[in-house]
Amino acid sequence: MTKEQIISQTNAFLIDTLDFDSAMITPDTELRRDLGITSVDAVAIASFVQKTFGCAIIIPEIKALITLQDLYDYIEKNS
């Protein structure tokens, strides 16, 4: 899967499923500070990453990710 596909699918999930404003979705967006990711959101993201990209991500790993770019890079590296 290409980096562009990872970004596109991840952004679509964040906008369509978690209902984040599309204007807020940029590589530099901080997950907790800008989006206010909760533990429930983190579980949903982990499930999405597992189902869509086939890589397991655990909650402590999500907490270590600061920006959306970090999430994209994690998925690319581990899928």
PDB file of N, CA and C in Angstrom:
ATOM      1  N   MET A   1       0.839  -1.166   0.000  1.00  0.00           N
ATOM      2  CA  MET A   1       0.000   0.000   0.000  1.00  0.00           C
ATOM      3  C   MET A   1       0.893   1.241   0.000  1.00  0.00           C
ATOM      4  N   THR A   2       0.519   2.227  -0.779  1.00  0.00           N
ATOM      5  CA  THR A   2       1.331   3.435  -0.871  1.00  0.00           C
ATOM      6  C   THR A   2       1.057   4.378   0.303  1.00  0.00           C
ATOM      7  N   LYS A   3       1.978   5.284   0.535  1.00  0.00           N
ATOM      8  CA  LYS A   3       1.811   6.294   1.588  1.00  0.00           C
ATOM      9  C   LYS A   3       0.543   7.113   1.341  1.00  0.00           C
ATOM     10  N   GLU A   4       0.272   7.437   0.081  1.00  0.00           N
ATOM     11  CA  GLU A   4      -0.910   8.220  -0.261  1.00  0.00           C
ATOM     12  C   GLU A   4      -2.193   7.473   0.095  1.00  0.00           C
ATOM     13  N   GLN A   5      -2.212   6.166  -0.121  1.00  0.00           N
ATOM     14  CA  GLN A   5      -3.380   5.360   0.236  1.00  0.00           C
ATOM     15  C   GLN A   5      -3.564   5.302   1.751  1.00  0.00           C
ATOM     16  N   ILE A   6      -2.465   5.191   2.472  1.00  0.00           N
ATOM     17  CA  ILE A   6      -2.527   5.184   3.934  1.00  0.00           C
ATOM     18  C   ILE A   6      -3.121   6.502   4.429  1.00  0.00           C
ATOM     19  N   ILE A   7      -2.618   7.592   3.912  1.00  0.00           N
ATOM     20  CA  ILE A   7      -3.108   8.910   4.319  1.00  0.00           C
ATOM     21  C   ILE A   7      -4.577   9.073   3.962  1.00  0.00           C
ATOM     22  N   SER A   8      -4.934   8.712   2.752  1.00  0.00           N
ATOM     23  CA  SER A   8      -6.308   8.872   2.292  1.00  0.00           C
ATOM     24  C   SER A   8      -7.286   8.054   3.130  1.00  0.00           C
ATOM     25  N   GLN A   9      -6.971   6.794   3.357  1.00  0.00           N
ATOM     26  CA  GLN A   9      -7.871   5.920   4.113  1.00  0.00           C
ATOM     27  C   GLN A   9      -7.951   6.326   5.583  1.00  0.00           C
ATOM     28  N   THR A  10      -6.832   6.726   6.147  1.00  0.00           N
ATOM     29  CA  THR A  10      -6.816   7.152   7.546  1.00  0.00           C
ATOM     30  C   THR A  10      -7.608   8.444   7.720  1.00  0.00           C
ATOM     31  N   ASN A  11      -7.387   9.393   6.828  1.00  0.00           N
ATOM     32  CA  ASN A  11      -8.126  10.652   6.907  1.00  0.00           C
ATOM     33  C   ASN A  11      -9.623  10.423   6.742  1.00  0.00           C
ATOM     34  N   ALA A  12     -10.004   9.573   5.809  1.00  0.00           N
ATOM     35  CA  ALA A  12     -11.424   9.272   5.592  1.00  0.00           C
ATOM     36  C   ALA A  12     -12.032   8.673   6.857  1.00  0.00           C
ATOM     37  N   PHE A  13     -11.309   7.782   7.521  1.00  0.00           N
ATOM     38  CA  PHE A  13     -11.798   7.193   8.762  1.00  0.00           C
ATOM     39  C   PHE A  13     -11.993   8.269   9.829  1.00  0.00           C
ATOM     40  N   LEU A  14     -11.004   9.128   9.998  1.00  0.00           N
ATOM     41  CA  LEU A  14     -11.095  10.169  11.016  1.00  0.00           C
ATOM     42  C   LEU A  14     -12.261  11.122  10.755  1.00  0.00           C
ATOM     43  N   ILE A  15     -12.496  11.439   9.497  1.00  0.00           N
ATOM     44  CA  ILE A  15     -13.568  12.369   9.138  1.00  0.00           C
ATOM     45  C   ILE A  15     -14.925  11.686   9.160  1.00  0.00           C
ATOM     46  N   ASP A  16     -15.030  10.543   8.515  1.00  0.00           N
ATOM     47  CA  ASP A  16     -16.331   9.881   8.339  1.00  0.00           C
ATOM     48  C   ASP A  16     -16.794   9.105   9.566  1.00  0.00           C
ATOM     49  N   THR A  17     -15.879   8.437  10.239  1.00  0.00           N
ATOM     50  CA  THR A  17     -16.257   7.580  11.358  1.00  0.00           C
ATOM     51  C   THR A  17     -16.159   8.308  12.697  1.00  0.00           C
ATOM     52  N   LEU A  18     -15.058   9.014  12.920  1.00  0.00           N
ATOM     53  CA  LEU A  18     -14.887   9.699  14.196  1.00  0.00           C
ATOM     54  C   LEU A  18     -15.411  11.135  14.159  1.00  0.00           C
ATOM     55  N   ASP A  19     -15.853  11.571  12.988  1.00  0.00           N
ATOM     56  CA  ASP A  19     -16.524  12.858  12.823  1.00  0.00           C
ATOM     57  C   ASP A  19     -15.651  14.068  13.150  1.00  0.00           C
ATOM     58  N   PHE A  20     -14.366  13.985  12.800  1.00  0.00           N
ATOM     59  CA  PHE A  20     -13.500  15.141  12.948  1.00  0.00           C
ATOM     60  C   PHE A  20     -13.662  16.054  11.742  1.00  0.00           C
ATOM     61  N   ASP A  21     -13.492  17.331  11.952  1.00  0.00           N
ATOM     62  CA  ASP A  21     -13.600  18.333  10.891  1.00  0.00           C
ATOM     63  C   ASP A  21     -12.462  18.137   9.890  1.00  0.00           C
ATOM     64  N   SER A  22     -12.798  18.046   8.614  1.00  0.00           N
ATOM     65  CA  SER A  22     -11.788  17.799   7.580  1.00  0.00           C
ATOM     66  C   SER A  22     -10.729  18.896   7.543  1.00  0.00           C
ATOM     67  N   ALA A  23     -11.082  20.116   7.926  1.00  0.00           N
ATOM     68  CA  ALA A  23     -10.112  21.210   7.937  1.00  0.00           C
ATOM     69  C   ALA A  23      -9.022  20.994   8.985  1.00  0.00           C
ATOM     70  N   MET A  24      -9.322  20.169   9.976  1.00  0.00           N
ATOM     71  CA  MET A  24      -8.359  19.892  11.042  1.00  0.00           C
ATOM     72  C   MET A  24      -7.386  18.758  10.695  1.00  0.00           C
ATOM     73  N   ILE A  25      -7.648  18.050   9.614  1.00  0.00           N
ATOM     74  CA  ILE A  25      -6.872  16.859   9.282  1.00  0.00           C
ATOM     75  C   ILE A  25      -5.699  17.230   8.366  1.00  0.00           C
ATOM     76  N   THR A  26      -4.540  17.447   8.986  1.00  0.00           N
ATOM     77  CA  THR A  26      -3.299  17.715   8.264  1.00  0.00           C
ATOM     78  C   THR A  26      -2.199  16.880   8.914  1.00  0.00           C
ATOM     79  N   PRO A  27      -1.101  16.657   8.225  1.00  0.00           N
ATOM     80  CA  PRO A  27      -0.025  15.853   8.820  1.00  0.00           C
ATOM     81  C   PRO A  27       0.488  16.415  10.148  1.00  0.00           C
ATOM     82  N   ASP A  28       0.434  17.729  10.325  1.00  0.00           N
ATOM     83  CA  ASP A  28       0.948  18.352  11.539  1.00  0.00           C
ATOM     84  C   ASP A  28      -0.059  18.408  12.684  1.00  0.00           C
ATOM     85  N   THR A  29      -1.291  17.992  12.433  1.00  0.00           N
ATOM     86  CA  THR A  29      -2.320  18.010  13.466  1.00  0.00           C
ATOM     87  C   THR A  29      -1.925  17.084  14.607  1.00  0.00           C
ATOM     88  N   GLU A  30      -1.999  17.605  15.830  1.00  0.00           N
ATOM     89  CA  GLU A  30      -1.686  16.788  16.999  1.00  0.00           C
ATOM     90  C   GLU A  30      -2.936  16.047  17.441  1.00  0.00           C
ATOM     91  N   LEU A  31      -2.770  14.754  17.653  1.00  0.00           N
ATOM     92  CA  LEU A  31      -3.899  13.889  17.971  1.00  0.00           C
ATOM     93  C   LEU A  31      -4.627  14.322  19.238  1.00  0.00           C
ATOM     94  N   ARG A  32      -3.898  14.546  20.302  1.00  0.00           N
ATOM     95  CA  ARG A  32      -4.560  14.895  21.558  1.00  0.00           C
ATOM     96  C   ARG A  32      -4.850  16.390  21.663  1.00  0.00           C
ATOM     97  N   ARG A  33      -3.892  17.221  21.377  1.00  0.00           N
ATOM     98  CA  ARG A  33      -4.083  18.666  21.551  1.00  0.00           C
ATOM     99  C   ARG A  33      -5.093  19.238  20.567  1.00  0.00           C
ATOM    100  N   ASP A  34      -4.951  18.915  19.279  1.00  0.00           N
ATOM    101  CA  ASP A  34      -5.803  19.518  18.255  1.00  0.00           C
ATOM    102  C   ASP A  34      -7.118  18.773  18.052  1.00  0.00           C
ATOM    103  N   LEU A  35      -7.064  17.431  18.052  1.00  0.00           N
ATOM    104  CA  LEU A  35      -8.267  16.636  17.809  1.00  0.00           C
ATOM    105  C   LEU A  35      -8.961  16.200  19.094  1.00  0.00           C
ATOM    106  N   GLY A  36      -8.239  16.235  20.188  1.00  0.00           N
ATOM    107  CA  GLY A  36      -8.830  15.805  21.453  1.00  0.00           C
ATOM    108  C   GLY A  36      -9.139  14.324  21.494  1.00  0.00           C
ATOM    109  N   ILE A  37      -8.255  13.517  20.901  1.00  0.00           N
ATOM    110  CA  ILE A  37      -8.437  12.064  20.871  1.00  0.00           C
ATOM    111  C   ILE A  37      -8.634  11.542  22.301  1.00  0.00           C
ATOM    112  N   THR A  38      -9.702  10.787  22.499  1.00  0.00           N
ATOM    113  CA  THR A  38      -9.995  10.176  23.797  1.00  0.00           C
ATOM    114  C   THR A  38      -9.552   8.711  23.776  1.00  0.00           C
ATOM    115  N   SER A  39      -9.673   8.058  24.903  1.00  0.00           N
ATOM    116  CA  SER A  39      -9.322   6.634  24.948  1.00  0.00           C
ATOM    117  C   SER A  39     -10.267   5.822  24.060  1.00  0.00           C
ATOM    118  N   VAL A  40     -11.522   6.236  23.977  1.00  0.00           N
ATOM    119  CA  VAL A  40     -12.481   5.556  23.087  1.00  0.00           C
ATOM    120  C   VAL A  40     -12.051   5.732  21.632  1.00  0.00           C
ATOM    121  N   ASP A  41     -11.625   6.955  21.275  1.00  0.00           N
ATOM    122  CA  ASP A  41     -11.125   7.211  19.919  1.00  0.00           C
ATOM    123  C   ASP A  41      -9.883   6.368  19.644  1.00  0.00           C
ATOM    124  N   ALA A  42      -9.001   6.248  20.630  1.00  0.00           N
ATOM    125  CA  ALA A  42      -7.770   5.467  20.460  1.00  0.00           C
ATOM    126  C   ALA A  42      -8.087   4.005  20.168  1.00  0.00           C
ATOM    127  N   VAL A  43      -9.078   3.453  20.860  1.00  0.00           N
ATOM    128  CA  VAL A  43      -9.495   2.068  20.607  1.00  0.00           C
ATOM    129  C   VAL A  43     -10.061   1.945  19.189  1.00  0.00           C
ATOM    130  N   ALA A  44     -10.855   2.915  18.768  1.00  0.00           N
ATOM    131  CA  ALA A  44     -11.417   2.892  17.410  1.00  0.00           C
ATOM    132  C   ALA A  44     -10.308   2.982  16.367  1.00  0.00           C
ATOM    133  N   ILE A  45      -9.320   3.823  16.614  1.00  0.00           N
ATOM    134  CA  ILE A  45      -8.191   3.961  15.679  1.00  0.00           C
ATOM    135  C   ILE A  45      -7.404   2.652  15.625  1.00  0.00           C
ATOM    136  N   ALA A  46      -7.142   2.049  16.772  1.00  0.00           N
ATOM    137  CA  ALA A  46      -6.411   0.773  16.807  1.00  0.00           C
ATOM    138  C   ALA A  46      -7.154  -0.299  16.025  1.00  0.00           C
ATOM    139  N   SER A  47      -8.458  -0.363  16.184  1.00  0.00           N
ATOM    140  CA  SER A  47      -9.276  -1.337  15.461  1.00  0.00           C
ATOM    141  C   SER A  47      -9.235  -1.070  13.959  1.00  0.00           C
ATOM    142  N   PHE A  48      -9.362   0.186  13.575  1.00  0.00           N
ATOM    143  CA  PHE A  48      -9.292   0.567  12.163  1.00  0.00           C
ATOM    144  C   PHE A  48      -7.948   0.173  11.554  1.00  0.00           C
ATOM    145  N   VAL A  49      -6.862   0.479  12.244  1.00  0.00           N
ATOM    146  CA  VAL A  49      -5.521   0.165  11.737  1.00  0.00           C
ATOM    147  C   VAL A  49      -5.364  -1.345  11.562  1.00  0.00           C
ATOM    148  N   GLN A  50      -5.837  -2.107  12.541  1.00  0.00           N
ATOM    149  CA  GLN A  50      -5.744  -3.574  12.460  1.00  0.00           C
ATOM    150  C   GLN A  50      -6.531  -4.107  11.265  1.00  0.00           C
ATOM    151  N   LYS A  51      -7.787  -3.687  11.136  1.00  0.00           N
ATOM    152  CA  LYS A  51      -8.652  -4.203  10.063  1.00  0.00           C
ATOM    153  C   LYS A  51      -8.222  -3.735   8.687  1.00  0.00           C
ATOM    154  N   THR A  52      -7.810  -2.491   8.582  1.00  0.00           N
ATOM    155  CA  THR A  52      -7.527  -1.908   7.276  1.00  0.00           C
ATOM    156  C   THR A  52      -6.123  -2.213   6.781  1.00  0.00           C
ATOM    157  N   PHE A  53      -5.161  -2.163   7.688  1.00  0.00           N
ATOM    158  CA  PHE A  53      -3.759  -2.279   7.269  1.00  0.00           C
ATOM    159  C   PHE A  53      -3.078  -3.552   7.767  1.00  0.00           C
ATOM    160  N   GLY A  54      -3.769  -4.307   8.611  1.00  0.00           N
ATOM    161  CA  GLY A  54      -3.228  -5.578   9.071  1.00  0.00           C
ATOM    162  C   GLY A  54      -2.102  -5.471  10.064  1.00  0.00           C
ATOM    163  N   CYS A  55      -1.959  -4.323  10.690  1.00  0.00           N
ATOM    164  CA  CYS A  55      -0.910  -4.212  11.705  1.00  0.00           C
ATOM    165  C   CYS A  55      -1.550  -3.882  13.046  1.00  0.00           C
ATOM    166  N   ALA A  56      -1.123  -4.619  14.038  1.00  0.00           N
ATOM    167  CA  ALA A  56      -1.646  -4.405  15.377  1.00  0.00           C
ATOM    168  C   ALA A  56      -0.995  -3.171  15.980  1.00  0.00           C
ATOM    169  N   ILE A  57      -1.805  -2.374  16.636  1.00  0.00           N
ATOM    170  CA  ILE A  57      -1.298  -1.209  17.353  1.00  0.00           C
ATOM    171  C   ILE A  57      -1.987  -1.201  18.712  1.00  0.00           C
ATOM    172  N   ILE A  58      -1.191  -1.087  19.746  1.00  0.00           N
ATOM    173  CA  ILE A  58      -1.775  -1.096  21.083  1.00  0.00           C
ATOM    174  C   ILE A  58      -1.871   0.336  21.609  1.00  0.00           C
ATOM    175  N   ILE A  59      -2.728   0.521  22.574  1.00  0.00           N
ATOM    176  CA  ILE A  59      -3.028   1.858  23.069  1.00  0.00           C
ATOM    177  C   ILE A  59      -1.768   2.618  23.523  1.00  0.00           C
ATOM    178  N   PRO A  60      -0.832   2.002  24.256  1.00  0.00           N
ATOM    179  CA  PRO A  60       0.377   2.756  24.614  1.00  0.00           C
ATOM    180  C   PRO A  60       1.147   3.275  23.387  1.00  0.00           C
ATOM    181  N   GLU A  61       1.109   2.517  22.298  1.00  0.00           N
ATOM    182  CA  GLU A  61       1.772   2.979  21.073  1.00  0.00           C
ATOM    183  C   GLU A  61       1.038   4.184  20.494  1.00  0.00           C
ATOM    184  N   ILE A  62      -0.289   4.169  20.539  1.00  0.00           N
ATOM    185  CA  ILE A  62      -1.051   5.315  20.043  1.00  0.00           C
ATOM    186  C   ILE A  62      -0.745   6.546  20.892  1.00  0.00           C
ATOM    187  N   LYS A  63      -0.651   6.351  22.189  1.00  0.00           N
ATOM    188  CA  LYS A  63      -0.350   7.478  23.079  1.00  0.00           C
ATOM    189  C   LYS A  63       1.008   8.086  22.792  1.00  0.00           C
ATOM    190  N   ALA A  64       1.920   7.295  22.264  1.00  0.00           N
ATOM    191  CA  ALA A  64       3.257   7.792  21.938  1.00  0.00           C
ATOM    192  C   ALA A  64       3.278   8.596  20.636  1.00  0.00           C
ATOM    193  N   LEU A  65       2.242   8.451  19.833  1.00  0.00           N
ATOM    194  CA  LEU A  65       2.158   9.184  18.574  1.00  0.00           C
ATOM    195  C   LEU A  65       1.644  10.585  18.854  1.00  0.00           C
ATOM    196  N   ILE A  66       2.329  11.588  18.337  1.00  0.00           N
ATOM    197  CA  ILE A  66       1.950  12.973  18.605  1.00  0.00           C
ATOM    198  C   ILE A  66       1.075  13.535  17.481  1.00  0.00           C
ATOM    199  N   THR A  67       1.535  13.409  16.247  1.00  0.00           N
ATOM    200  CA  THR A  67       0.830  14.016  15.117  1.00  0.00           C
ATOM    201  C   THR A  67       0.219  12.954  14.197  1.00  0.00           C
ATOM    202  N   LEU A  68      -0.619  13.403  13.299  1.00  0.00           N
ATOM    203  CA  LEU A  68      -1.143  12.484  12.292  1.00  0.00           C
ATOM    204  C   LEU A  68      -0.015  11.913  11.452  1.00  0.00           C
ATOM    205  N   GLN A  69       1.008  12.712  11.178  1.00  0.00           N
ATOM    206  CA  GLN A  69       2.156  12.203  10.419  1.00  0.00           C
ATOM    207  C   GLN A  69       2.788  11.024  11.138  1.00  0.00           C
ATOM    208  N   ASP A  70       2.875  11.100  12.454  1.00  0.00           N
ATOM    209  CA  ASP A  70       3.407   9.980  13.241  1.00  0.00           C
ATOM    210  C   ASP A  70       2.558   8.730  13.030  1.00  0.00           C
ATOM    211  N   LEU A  71       1.228   8.913  13.004  1.00  0.00           N
ATOM    212  CA  LEU A  71       0.331   7.775  12.779  1.00  0.00           C
ATOM    213  C   LEU A  71       0.526   7.200  11.382  1.00  0.00           C
ATOM    214  N   TYR A  72       0.589   8.062  10.375  1.00  0.00           N
ATOM    215  CA  TYR A  72       0.822   7.595   8.997  1.00  0.00           C
ATOM    216  C   TYR A  72       2.124   6.801   8.915  1.00  0.00           C
ATOM    217  N   ASP A  73       3.186   7.354   9.516  1.00  0.00           N
ATOM    218  CA  ASP A  73       4.492   6.695   9.477  1.00  0.00           C
ATOM    219  C   ASP A  73       4.460   5.352  10.193  1.00  0.00           C
ATOM    220  N   TYR A  74       3.772   5.283  11.331  1.00  0.00           N
ATOM    221  CA  TYR A  74       3.654   4.027  12.064  1.00  0.00           C
ATOM    222  C   TYR A  74       2.979   2.961  11.193  1.00  0.00           C
ATOM    223  N   ILE A  75       1.885   3.346  10.553  1.00  0.00           N
ATOM    224  CA  ILE A  75       1.165   2.393   9.707  1.00  0.00           C
ATOM    225  C   ILE A  75       2.042   1.936   8.554  1.00  0.00           C
ATOM    226  N   GLU A  76       2.721   2.878   7.908  1.00  0.00           N
ATOM    227  CA  GLU A  76       3.578   2.527   6.768  1.00  0.00           C
ATOM    228  C   GLU A  76       4.690   1.584   7.205  1.00  0.00           C
ATOM    229  N   LYS A  77       5.288   1.828   8.333  1.00  0.00           N
ATOM    230  CA  LYS A  77       6.399   1.015   8.824  1.00  0.00           C
ATOM    231  C   LYS A  77       5.951  -0.390   9.235  1.00  0.00           C
ATOM    232  N   ASN A  78       4.732  -0.512   9.771  1.00  0.00           N
ATOM    233  CA  ASN A  78       4.304  -1.774  10.373  1.00  0.00           C
ATOM    234  C   ASN A  78       3.315  -2.581   9.531  1.00  0.00           C
ATOM    235  N   SER A  79       2.956  -2.092   8.365  1.00  0.00           N
ATOM    236  CA  SER A  79       2.000  -2.869   7.559  1.00  0.00           C
ATOM    237  C   SER A  79       2.685  -3.532   6.383  1.00  0.00           C
TER     238      SER A  79
END
